[in-house]
C-alpha atoms as a PDB file:
ATOM      1  CA  MET A   1      26.585  23.562 -17.403  1.00  0.00           C
ATOM      2  CA  TRP A   2      22.827  23.736 -17.388  1.00  0.00           C
ATOM      3  CA  GLN A   3      20.407  25.120 -19.951  1.00  0.00           C
ATOM      4  CA  ASN A   4      16.743  25.986 -19.464  1.00  0.00           C
ATOM      5  CA  ASN A   5      15.006  24.358 -22.450  1.00  0.00           C
ATOM      6  CA  ASN A   6      11.391  25.087 -21.586  1.00  0.00           C
ATOM      7  CA  VAL A   7       9.945  26.868 -24.642  1.00  0.00           C
ATOM      8  CA  ILE A   8       6.280  26.625 -23.688  1.00  0.00           C
ATOM      9  CA  ASP A   9       6.221  30.046 -22.022  1.00  0.00           C
ATOM     10  CA  LYS A  10       9.111  31.774 -23.762  1.00  0.00           C
ATOM     11  CA  MET A  11       9.680  35.276 -22.394  1.00  0.00           C
ATOM     12  CA  TYR A  12      12.542  36.352 -24.680  1.00  0.00           C
ATOM     13  CA  LYS A  13      14.529  37.535 -21.677  1.00  0.00           C
ATOM     14  CA  LYS A  14      17.952  36.536 -20.471  1.00  0.00           C
ATOM     15  CA  LEU A  15      19.674  37.284 -17.159  1.00  0.00           C
ATOM     16  CA  ALA A  16      23.469  37.502 -16.968  1.00  0.00           C
ATOM     17  CA  ILE A  17      25.198  37.872 -13.600  1.00  0.00           C
ATOM     18  CA  GLN A  18      28.910  38.595 -13.263  1.00  0.00           C
ATOM     19  CA  VAL A  19      30.320  37.604  -9.869  1.00  0.00           C
ATOM     20  CA  SER A  20      33.621  38.305  -8.156  1.00  0.00           C
ATOM     21  CA  LEU A  21      34.919  38.559  -4.613  1.00  0.00           C
ATOM     22  CA  ASN A  22      33.996  42.263  -4.653  1.00  0.00           C
ATOM     23  CA  GLY A  23      30.338  41.934  -5.569  1.00  0.00           C
ATOM     24  CA  LEU A  24      28.086  41.253  -8.503  1.00  0.00           C
ATOM     25  CA  SER A  25      26.697  42.978 -11.571  1.00  0.00           C
ATOM     26  CA  PHE A  26      23.735  41.880 -13.599  1.00  0.00           C
ATOM     27  CA  VAL A  27      22.020  42.739 -16.849  1.00  0.00           C
ATOM     28  CA  VAL A  28      18.627  41.734 -18.241  1.00  0.00           C
ATOM     29  CA  PHE A  29      18.558  41.281 -22.030  1.00  0.00           C
ATOM     30  CA  ASP A  30      15.698  41.444 -24.466  1.00  0.00           C
ATOM     31  CA  THR A  31      16.733  38.487 -26.629  1.00  0.00           C
ATOM     32  CA  LEU A  32      14.461  39.469 -29.524  1.00  0.00           C
ATOM     33  CA  MET A  33      16.085  42.887 -29.893  1.00  0.00           C
ATOM     34  CA  ASN A  34      19.439  41.713 -28.491  1.00  0.00           C
ATOM     35  CA  LYS A  35      19.615  44.759 -26.244  1.00  0.00           C
ATOM     36  CA  PRO A  36      20.031  45.297 -22.501  1.00  0.00           C
ATOM     37  CA  LEU A  37      16.873  46.350 -20.667  1.00  0.00           C
ATOM     38  CA  THR A  38      18.354  47.076 -17.248  1.00  0.00           C
ATOM     39  CA  MET A  39      21.717  46.788 -15.540  1.00  0.00           C
ATOM     40  CA  GLN A  40      22.928  47.084 -11.954  1.00  0.00           C
ATOM     41  CA  ASN A  41      26.311  47.000 -10.243  1.00  0.00           C
ATOM     42  CA  ILE A  42      26.166  45.821  -6.620  1.00  0.00           C
ATOM     43  CA  PRO A  43      29.450  46.080  -4.660  1.00  0.00           C
ATOM     44  CA  ILE A  44      29.691  44.064  -1.456  1.00  0.00           C
ATOM     45  CA  GLY A  45      33.269  44.848  -0.485  1.00  0.00           C
ATOM     46  CA  LYS A  46      36.217  42.469  -0.667  1.00  0.00           C
ATOM     47  CA  VAL A  47      35.339  39.135   0.905  1.00  0.00           C
ATOM     48  CA  ASN A  48      37.018  35.837   1.537  1.00  0.00           C
ATOM     49  CA  VAL A  49      36.318  33.057  -0.970  1.00  0.00           C
ATOM     50  CA  THR A  50      35.072  30.853   1.901  1.00  0.00           C
ATOM     51  CA  ALA A  51      32.524  33.401   3.116  1.00  0.00           C
ATOM     52  CA  LYS A  52      28.861  32.385   3.158  1.00  0.00           C
ATOM     53  CA  ILE A  53      27.625  33.604  -0.190  1.00  0.00           C
ATOM     54  CA  GLU A  54      23.994  33.347   0.852  1.00  0.00           C
ATOM     55  CA  ASP A  55      24.676  35.985   3.511  1.00  0.00           C
ATOM     56  CA  LEU A  56      26.477  38.291   1.049  1.00  0.00           C
ATOM     57  CA  PHE A  57      24.041  38.004  -1.847  1.00  0.00           C
ATOM     58  CA  ALA A  58      20.781  37.747   0.102  1.00  0.00           C
ATOM     59  CA  GLU A  59      20.335  41.525   0.294  1.00  0.00           C
ATOM     60  CA  ALA A  60      20.882  41.915  -3.442  1.00  0.00           C
ATOM     61  CA  PHE A  61      18.264  39.285  -4.221  1.00  0.00           C
ATOM     62  CA  GLN A  62      15.903  40.946  -1.770  1.00  0.00           C
ATOM     63  CA  ASN A  63      16.375  44.450  -3.167  1.00  0.00           C
ATOM     64  CA  TYR A  64      16.309  43.740  -6.911  1.00  0.00           C
ATOM     65  CA  SER A  65      13.178  42.071  -8.252  1.00  0.00           C
ATOM     66  CA  GLU A  66      14.972  41.313 -11.532  1.00  0.00           C
ATOM     67  CA  LEU A  67      17.016  38.666  -9.734  1.00  0.00           C
ATOM     68  CA  LYS A  68      13.863  36.814  -8.705  1.00  0.00           C
ATOM     69  CA  ALA A  69      12.046  36.961 -12.056  1.00  0.00           C
ATOM     70  CA  ASP A  70      11.752  34.134 -14.578  1.00  0.00           C
ATOM     71  CA  TYR A  71      13.986  33.957 -17.640  1.00  0.00           C
ATOM     72  CA  ASP A  72      14.514  31.770 -20.673  1.00  0.00           C
ATOM     73  CA  GLU A  73      18.224  31.701 -19.911  1.00  0.00           C
ATOM     74  CA  VAL A  74      20.455  32.518 -16.950  1.00  0.00           C
ATOM     75  CA  VAL A  75      24.221  32.888 -17.326  1.00  0.00           C
ATOM     76  CA  ILE A  76      26.674  33.199 -14.428  1.00  0.00           C
ATOM     77  CA  ILE A  77      30.035  34.781 -15.281  1.00  0.00           C
ATOM     78  CA  HIS A  78      32.932  34.072 -12.929  1.00  0.00           C
ATOM     79  CA  SER A  79      35.424  36.920 -12.743  1.00  0.00           C
ATOM     80  CA  ASN A  80      38.816  36.047 -11.248  1.00  0.00           C
ATOM     81  CA  ASN A  81      42.430  35.610 -12.370  1.00  0.00           C
ATOM     82  CA  LEU A  82      42.363  31.823 -11.899  1.00  0.00           C
ATOM     83  CA  SER A  83      42.341  30.978 -15.594  1.00  0.00           C
ATOM     84  CA  THR A  84      44.622  30.146 -18.492  1.00  0.00           C
ATOM     85  CA  PHE A  85      44.165  29.588 -22.231  1.00  0.00           C
ATOM     86  CA  VAL A  86      45.257  26.300 -23.792  1.00  0.00           C
ATOM     87  CA  PRO A  87      45.426  25.577 -27.549  1.00  0.00           C
ATOM     88  CA  THR A  88      43.063  22.770 -28.554  1.00  0.00           C
ATOM     89  CA  ALA A  89      46.002  20.738 -29.906  1.00  0.00           C
ATOM     90  CA  LEU A  90      47.581  20.670 -26.423  1.00  0.00           C
ATOM     91  CA  PHE A  91      44.373  20.275 -24.426  1.00  0.00           C
ATOM     92  CA  ASP A  92      43.463  17.191 -22.387  1.00  0.00           C
ATOM     93  CA  GLU A  93      40.377  17.339 -20.211  1.00  0.00           C
ATOM     94  CA  ASP A  94      41.928  14.886 -17.742  1.00  0.00           C
ATOM     95  CA  TYR A  95      44.713  17.315 -16.787  1.00  0.00           C
ATOM     96  CA  LEU A  96      42.920  20.603 -16.173  1.00  0.00           C
ATOM     97  CA  GLY A  97      44.768  21.372 -12.945  1.00  0.00           C
ATOM     98  CA  SER A  98      48.136  20.918 -14.646  1.00  0.00           C
ATOM     99  CA  TYR A  99      47.517  23.871 -16.942  1.00  0.00           C
ATOM    100  CA  LEU A 100      46.777  26.207 -14.043  1.00  0.00           C
ATOM    101  CA  GLN A 101      49.630  25.213 -11.751  1.00  0.00           C
ATOM    102  CA  PHE A 102      52.079  27.451 -13.603  1.00  0.00           C
ATOM    103  CA  ASN A 103      50.258  30.701 -12.832  1.00  0.00           C
ATOM    104  CA  THR A 104      48.279  30.009  -9.650  1.00  0.00           C
ATOM    105  CA  LYS A 105      48.390  27.761  -6.599  1.00  0.00           C
ATOM    106  CA  VAL A 106      46.084  24.785  -7.068  1.00  0.00           C
ATOM    107  CA  PHE A 107      44.902  22.161  -4.604  1.00  0.00           C
ATOM    108  CA  GLU A 108      43.617  18.624  -5.033  1.00  0.00           C
ATOM    109  CA  THR A 109      40.235  19.745  -3.705  1.00  0.00           C
ATOM    110  CA  ASP A 110      39.846  22.485  -6.356  1.00  0.00           C
ATOM    111  CA  PHE A 111      37.099  22.106  -8.939  1.00  0.00           C
ATOM    112  CA  PHE A 112      38.219  22.888 -12.483  1.00  0.00           C
ATOM    113  CA  ALA A 113      36.116  23.871 -15.466  1.00  0.00           C
ATOM    114  CA  PHE A 114      36.802  24.975 -19.027  1.00  0.00           C
ATOM    115  CA  ASP A 115      35.146  27.019 -21.754  1.00  0.00           C
ATOM    116  CA  ILE A 116      35.568  26.008 -25.386  1.00  0.00           C
ATOM    117  CA  LEU A 117      36.449  28.789 -27.818  1.00  0.00           C
ATOM    118  CA  GLU A 118      35.878  26.571 -30.827  1.00  0.00           C
ATOM    119  CA  LYS A 119      36.276  29.246 -33.494  1.00  0.00           C
ATOM    120  CA  TYR A 120      39.744  30.093 -32.176  1.00  0.00           C
ATOM    121  CA  GLU A 121      40.848  26.523 -31.418  1.00  0.00           C
ATOM    122  CA  MET A 122      41.542  26.994 -27.730  1.00  0.00           C
ATOM    123  CA  ASN A 123      40.031  26.418 -24.312  1.00  0.00           C
ATOM    124  CA  ASN A 124      39.989  28.539 -21.186  1.00  0.00           C
ATOM    125  CA  VAL A 125      40.724  26.422 -18.111  1.00  0.00           C
ATOM    126  CA  TYR A 126      39.647  28.019 -14.831  1.00  0.00           C
ATOM    127  CA  ILE A 127      38.508  27.587 -11.243  1.00  0.00           C
ATOM    128  CA  PRO A 128      34.910  28.757 -10.799  1.00  0.00           C
ATOM    129  CA  TYR A 129      33.482  29.871  -7.450  1.00  0.00           C
ATOM    130  CA  VAL A 130      31.793  26.593  -6.523  1.00  0.00           C
ATOM    131  CA  ASN A 131      30.044  28.063  -3.483  1.00  0.00           C
ATOM    132  CA  MET A 132      28.529  30.757  -5.672  1.00  0.00           C
ATOM    133  CA  ASN A 133      27.367  28.193  -8.217  1.00  0.00           C
ATOM    134  CA  ASN A 134      25.722  26.210  -5.425  1.00  0.00           C
ATOM    135  CA  TYR A 135      23.929  29.349  -4.265  1.00  0.00           C
ATOM    136  CA  PHE A 136      22.652  30.068  -7.776  1.00  0.00           C
ATOM    137  CA  ILE A 137      21.418  26.491  -8.153  1.00  0.00           C
ATOM    138  CA  ASP A 138      19.167  27.166  -5.168  1.00  0.00           C
ATOM    139  CA  GLN A 139      18.004  30.438  -6.730  1.00  0.00           C
ATOM    140  CA  PHE A 140      17.533  29.472 -10.376  1.00  0.00           C
ATOM    141  CA  GLY A 141      17.688  25.705 -10.605  1.00  0.00           C
ATOM    142  CA  THR A 142      19.136  25.727 -14.120  1.00  0.00           C
ATOM    143  CA  PHE A 143      21.789  28.006 -15.600  1.00  0.00           C
ATOM    144  CA  ASP A 144      24.918  28.127 -17.704  1.00  0.00           C
ATOM    145  CA  TYR A 145      28.238  29.430 -16.426  1.00  0.00           C
ATOM    146  CA  LYS A 146      31.469  30.596 -17.975  1.00  0.00           C
ATOM    147  CA  HIS A 147      34.573  32.618 -17.198  1.00  0.00           C
ATOM    148  CA  ALA A 148      34.763  36.372 -17.790  1.00  0.00           C
ATOM    149  CA  ASN A 149      38.034  36.086 -19.698  1.00  0.00           C
ATOM    150  CA  SER A 150      36.496  33.646 -22.183  1.00  0.00           C
ATOM    151  CA  ILE A 151      34.022  36.361 -23.166  1.00  0.00           C
ATOM    152  CA  LEU A 152      36.696  39.077 -23.162  1.00  0.00           C
ATOM    153  CA  ILE A 153      39.139  37.205 -25.392  1.00  0.00           C
ATOM    154  CA  GLU A 154      36.544  35.867 -27.812  1.00  0.00           C
ATOM    155  CA  LYS A 155      34.953  39.287 -28.339  1.00  0.00           C
ATOM    156  CA  LEU A 156      38.310  41.062 -28.798  1.00  0.00           C
ATOM    157  CA  LEU A 157      39.354  38.420 -31.318  1.00  0.00           C
ATOM    158  CA  ASP A 158      36.076  38.953 -33.173  1.00  0.00           C
ATOM    159  CA  LEU A 159      36.742  42.703 -33.293  1.00  0.00           C
ATOM    160  CA  SER A 160      40.238  42.208 -34.735  1.00  0.00           C
ATOM    161  CA  LYS A 161      39.022  40.549 -37.945  1.00  0.00           C
ATOM    162  CA  ASN A 162      40.875  41.819 -41.030  1.00  0.00           C
ATOM    163  CA  ASN A 163      43.134  43.991 -38.870  1.00  0.00           C
ATOM    164  CA  GLU A 164      46.762  43.202 -39.660  1.00  0.00           C
ATOM    165  CA  GLU A 165      48.036  45.632 -37.033  1.00  0.00           C
ATOM    166  CA  ARG A 166      49.186  44.272 -33.682  1.00  0.00           C
ATOM    167  CA  LYS A 167      47.210  45.891 -30.919  1.00  0.00           C
ATOM    168  CA  MET A 168      47.339  45.766 -27.131  1.00  0.00           C
ATOM    169  CA  PHE A 169      44.078  45.826 -25.182  1.00  0.00           C
ATOM    170  CA  VAL A 170      44.005  46.420 -21.437  1.00  0.00           C
ATOM    171  CA  HIS A 171      40.845  45.576 -19.513  1.00  0.00           C
ATOM    172  CA  VAL A 172      40.780  47.332 -16.123  1.00  0.00           C
ATOM    173  CA  SER A 173      39.085  46.239 -12.895  1.00  0.00           C
ATOM    174  CA  ASP A 174      39.415  47.598  -9.354  1.00  0.00           C
ATOM    175  CA  THR A 175      42.343  45.437  -8.256  1.00  0.00           C
ATOM    176  CA  HIS A 176      43.647  43.775 -11.420  1.00  0.00           C
ATOM    177  CA  PHE A 177      43.775  44.147 -15.176  1.00  0.00           C
ATOM    178  CA  GLU A 178      44.187  41.931 -18.204  1.00  0.00           C
ATOM    179  CA  ILE A 179      46.622  42.555 -21.035  1.00  0.00           C
ATOM    180  CA  VAL A 180      45.640  41.083 -24.390  1.00  0.00           C
ATOM    181  CA  VAL A 181      47.734  41.376 -27.549  1.00  0.00           C
ATOM    182  CA  ILE A 182      46.010  40.441 -30.816  1.00  0.00           C
ATOM    183  CA  GLN A 183      46.756  40.566 -34.510  1.00  0.00           C
ATOM    184  CA  ASN A 184      44.119  39.618 -37.097  1.00  0.00           C
ATOM    185  CA  GLN A 185      42.183  37.231 -34.849  1.00  0.00           C
ATOM    186  CA  LYS A 186      45.337  35.594 -33.485  1.00  0.00           C
ATOM    187  CA  LEU A 187      45.942  35.762 -29.745  1.00  0.00           C
ATOM    188  CA  GLU A 188      49.606  36.582 -29.151  1.00  0.00           C
ATOM    189  CA  LEU A 189      49.451  37.156 -25.402  1.00  0.00           C
ATOM    190  CA  TYR A 190      47.046  37.101 -22.497  1.00  0.00           C
ATOM    191  CA  ASN A 191      47.996  37.769 -18.889  1.00  0.00           C
ATOM    192  CA  SER A 192      46.419  39.148 -15.732  1.00  0.00           C
ATOM    193  CA  PHE A 193      48.171  41.443 -13.244  1.00  0.00           C
ATOM    194  CA  GLU A 194      47.252  42.783  -9.836  1.00  0.00           C
ATOM    195  CA  TYR A 195      47.998  46.436  -9.175  1.00  0.00           C
ATOM    196  CA  LYS A 196      47.765  49.009  -6.397  1.00  0.00           C
ATOM    197  CA  THR A 197      49.189  52.156  -7.988  1.00  0.00           C
ATOM    198  CA  PRO A 198      49.268  53.735 -11.467  1.00  0.00           C
ATOM    199  CA  GLU A 199      52.995  52.992 -11.477  1.00  0.00           C
ATOM    200  CA  ASP A 200      52.247  49.273 -11.128  1.00  0.00           C
ATOM    201  CA  PHE A 201      49.838  49.591 -14.024  1.00  0.00           C
ATOM    202  CA  ILE A 202      52.221  51.222 -16.480  1.00  0.00           C
ATOM    203  CA  TYR A 203      55.142  49.027 -15.411  1.00  0.00           C
ATOM    204  CA  TYR A 204      53.371  45.837 -16.502  1.00  0.00           C
ATOM    205  CA  ILE A 205      52.192  47.422 -19.749  1.00  0.00           C
ATOM    206  CA  LEU A 206      55.679  48.634 -20.700  1.00  0.00           C
ATOM    207  CA  PHE A 207      57.319  45.388 -19.572  1.00  0.00           C
ATOM    208  CA  THR A 208      54.900  43.363 -21.709  1.00  0.00           C
ATOM    209  CA  ALA A 209      55.471  45.688 -24.669  1.00  0.00           C
ATOM    210  CA  GLU A 210      59.235  45.247 -24.316  1.00  0.00           C
ATOM    211  CA  GLN A 211      58.964  41.448 -24.246  1.00  0.00           C
ATOM    212  CA  LEU A 212      56.901  41.495 -27.449  1.00  0.00           C
ATOM    213  CA  HIS A 213      59.119  44.121 -29.124  1.00  0.00           C
ATOM    214  CA  LEU A 214      56.292  46.645 -29.241  1.00  0.00           C
ATOM    215  CA  ASN A 215      57.559  50.209 -29.475  1.00  0.00           C
ATOM    216  CA  PRO A 216      55.675  52.631 -27.127  1.00  0.00           C
ATOM    217  CA  GLU A 217      56.100  55.261 -29.841  1.00  0.00           C
ATOM    218  CA  SER A 218      54.144  53.266 -32.405  1.00  0.00           C
ATOM    219  CA  PHE A 219      51.980  50.412 -31.070  1.00  0.00           C
ATOM    220  CA  LYS A 220      48.296  51.036 -30.401  1.00  0.00           C
ATOM    221  CA  LEU A 221      46.921  50.642 -26.869  1.00  0.00           C
ATOM    222  CA  GLU A 222      43.160  50.464 -26.269  1.00  0.00           C
ATOM    223  CA  LEU A 223      41.762  50.672 -22.742  1.00  0.00           C
ATOM    224  CA  LEU A 224      38.432  49.301 -21.596  1.00  0.00           C
ATOM    225  CA  GLY A 225      36.765  48.228 -18.393  1.00  0.00           C
ATOM    226  CA  LYS A 226      36.642  50.519 -15.381  1.00  0.00           C
ATOM    227  CA  ILE A 227      38.597  53.456 -16.758  1.00  0.00           C
ATOM    228  CA  ASP A 228      37.990  56.911 -18.259  1.00  0.00           C
ATOM    229  CA  THR A 229      40.093  59.903 -19.312  1.00  0.00           C
ATOM    230  CA  GLU A 230      40.054  61.279 -15.745  1.00  0.00           C
ATOM    231  CA  SER A 231      41.547  58.089 -14.299  1.00  0.00           C
ATOM    232  CA  PRO A 232      45.163  58.213 -13.023  1.00  0.00           C
ATOM    233  CA  LEU A 233      45.667  54.971 -14.956  1.00  0.00           C
ATOM    234  CA  TYR A 234      44.720  56.673 -18.219  1.00  0.00           C
ATOM    235  CA  THR A 235      46.900  59.677 -17.385  1.00  0.00           C
ATOM    236  CA  ILE A 236      50.027  57.619 -16.821  1.00  0.00           C
ATOM    237  CA  ALA A 237      49.383  55.437 -19.882  1.00  0.00           C
ATOM    238  CA  TYR A 238      48.983  58.591 -21.989  1.00  0.00           C
ATOM    239  CA  LYS A 239      52.322  59.826 -20.656  1.00  0.00           C
ATOM    240  CA  TYR A 240      54.321  56.771 -21.691  1.00  0.00           C
ATOM    241  CA  VAL A 241      52.472  55.366 -24.733  1.00  0.00           C
ATOM    242  CA  ARG A 242      51.979  57.634 -27.732  1.00  0.00           C
ATOM    243  CA  ASN A 243      48.928  55.927 -29.284  1.00  0.00           C
ATOM    244  CA  VAL A 244      46.605  55.329 -26.344  1.00  0.00           C
ATOM    245  CA  ALA A 245      42.815  55.604 -26.432  1.00  0.00           C
ATOM    246  CA  LEU A 246      39.685  54.383 -24.709  1.00  0.00           C
ATOM    247  CA  MET A 247      37.812  51.745 -26.681  1.00  0.00           C
ATOM    248  CA  ASP A 248      35.187  53.530 -28.774  1.00  0.00           C
ATOM    249  CA  PHE A 249      31.564  52.644 -28.058  1.00  0.00           C
ATOM    250  CA  SER A 250      29.955  55.580 -29.846  1.00  0.00           C
ATOM    251  CA  ALA A 251      28.487  53.213 -32.457  1.00  0.00           C
ATOM    252  CA  VAL A 252      26.808  51.010 -29.836  1.00  0.00           C
ATOM    253  CA  PHE A 253      23.127  51.880 -29.699  1.00  0.00           C
ATOM    254  CA  ASN A 254      21.453  50.965 -26.422  1.00  0.00           C
ATOM    255  CA  SER A 255      20.062  52.731 -23.361  1.00  0.00           C
ATOM    256  CA  LEU A 256      23.431  52.687 -21.569  1.00  0.00           C
ATOM    257  CA  SER A 257      26.093  55.382 -21.577  1.00  0.00           C
ATOM    258  CA  GLU A 258      29.402  54.944 -23.375  1.00  0.00           C
ATOM    259  CA  ALA A 259      31.103  54.690 -19.962  1.00  0.00           C
ATOM    260  CA  GLN A 260      28.740  51.878 -18.908  1.00  0.00           C
ATOM    261  CA  ASN A 261      29.327  50.017 -22.161  1.00  0.00           C
ATOM    262  CA  ARG A 262      33.067  50.318 -21.629  1.00  0.00           C
ATOM    263  CA  GLU A 263      33.054  49.287 -17.950  1.00  0.00           C
ATOM    264  CA  HIS A 264      30.665  46.352 -18.406  1.00  0.00           C
ATOM    265  CA  PHE A 265      32.038  45.165 -21.744  1.00  0.00           C
ATOM    266  CA  ILE A 266      32.237  41.538 -20.580  1.00  0.00           C
ATOM    267  CA  LEU A 267      28.795  41.418 -19.007  1.00  0.00           C
ATOM    268  CA  LEU A 268      27.140  43.069 -22.023  1.00  0.00           C
ATOM    269  CA  ASN A 269      28.766  40.615 -24.430  1.00  0.00           C
ATOM    270  CA  SER A 270      27.727  37.532 -22.501  1.00  0.00           C
END
């Protein structure tokens, strides 16, 4: 991890870029007001992890001047399902690959990283996109990087303070979604699932609920990410789970719409 510590010409601006194999999104923050100034979502289509990132991202950096400006801090957020959470008591930095081998195929050549969630006594072990990091080194020189799910879990745990009710959160992306079950700042379950149809989506939700003895007639399900009330995913969830709702962002005061705050929850909380 790298931090830009030059305070001589402090600009009070931060750039956060969320990257995946489908594209990138970025937001520029005013760090004095702690509010987003501008945000863009730039799809590039599904690509292979070995593709030349400089070819894929070059147009974005050419078209958006924000990506070439100077900032006090730059954060790169890696978004993939190559991660797992490990309690601090069971964590050993020398065996990062061992934690991931149970839910993804790992190779000796893989580079492993981890984010520390100190307040919640756990670490997120993951495989970052090394080729993307190398590209951003050329662009920015210094930056910090972390995994999207570290931000997602930490923020949802923060929001569950003093809430004794077990709640299921589902964070939706184009090709996969995360299920998170929390009760009063305790993480009971985290998992990521790929889906193609609404039926896939509801199957994994109901299967997870059954394993945790959550009754679809009574447990609360909150949806966030790339979803709205017109989505087939919302429609099918509403059909099978009695207490389903989109996460409420009406109390968030910034220049973005409620839909943008919901879709880019991770990026905006980076």
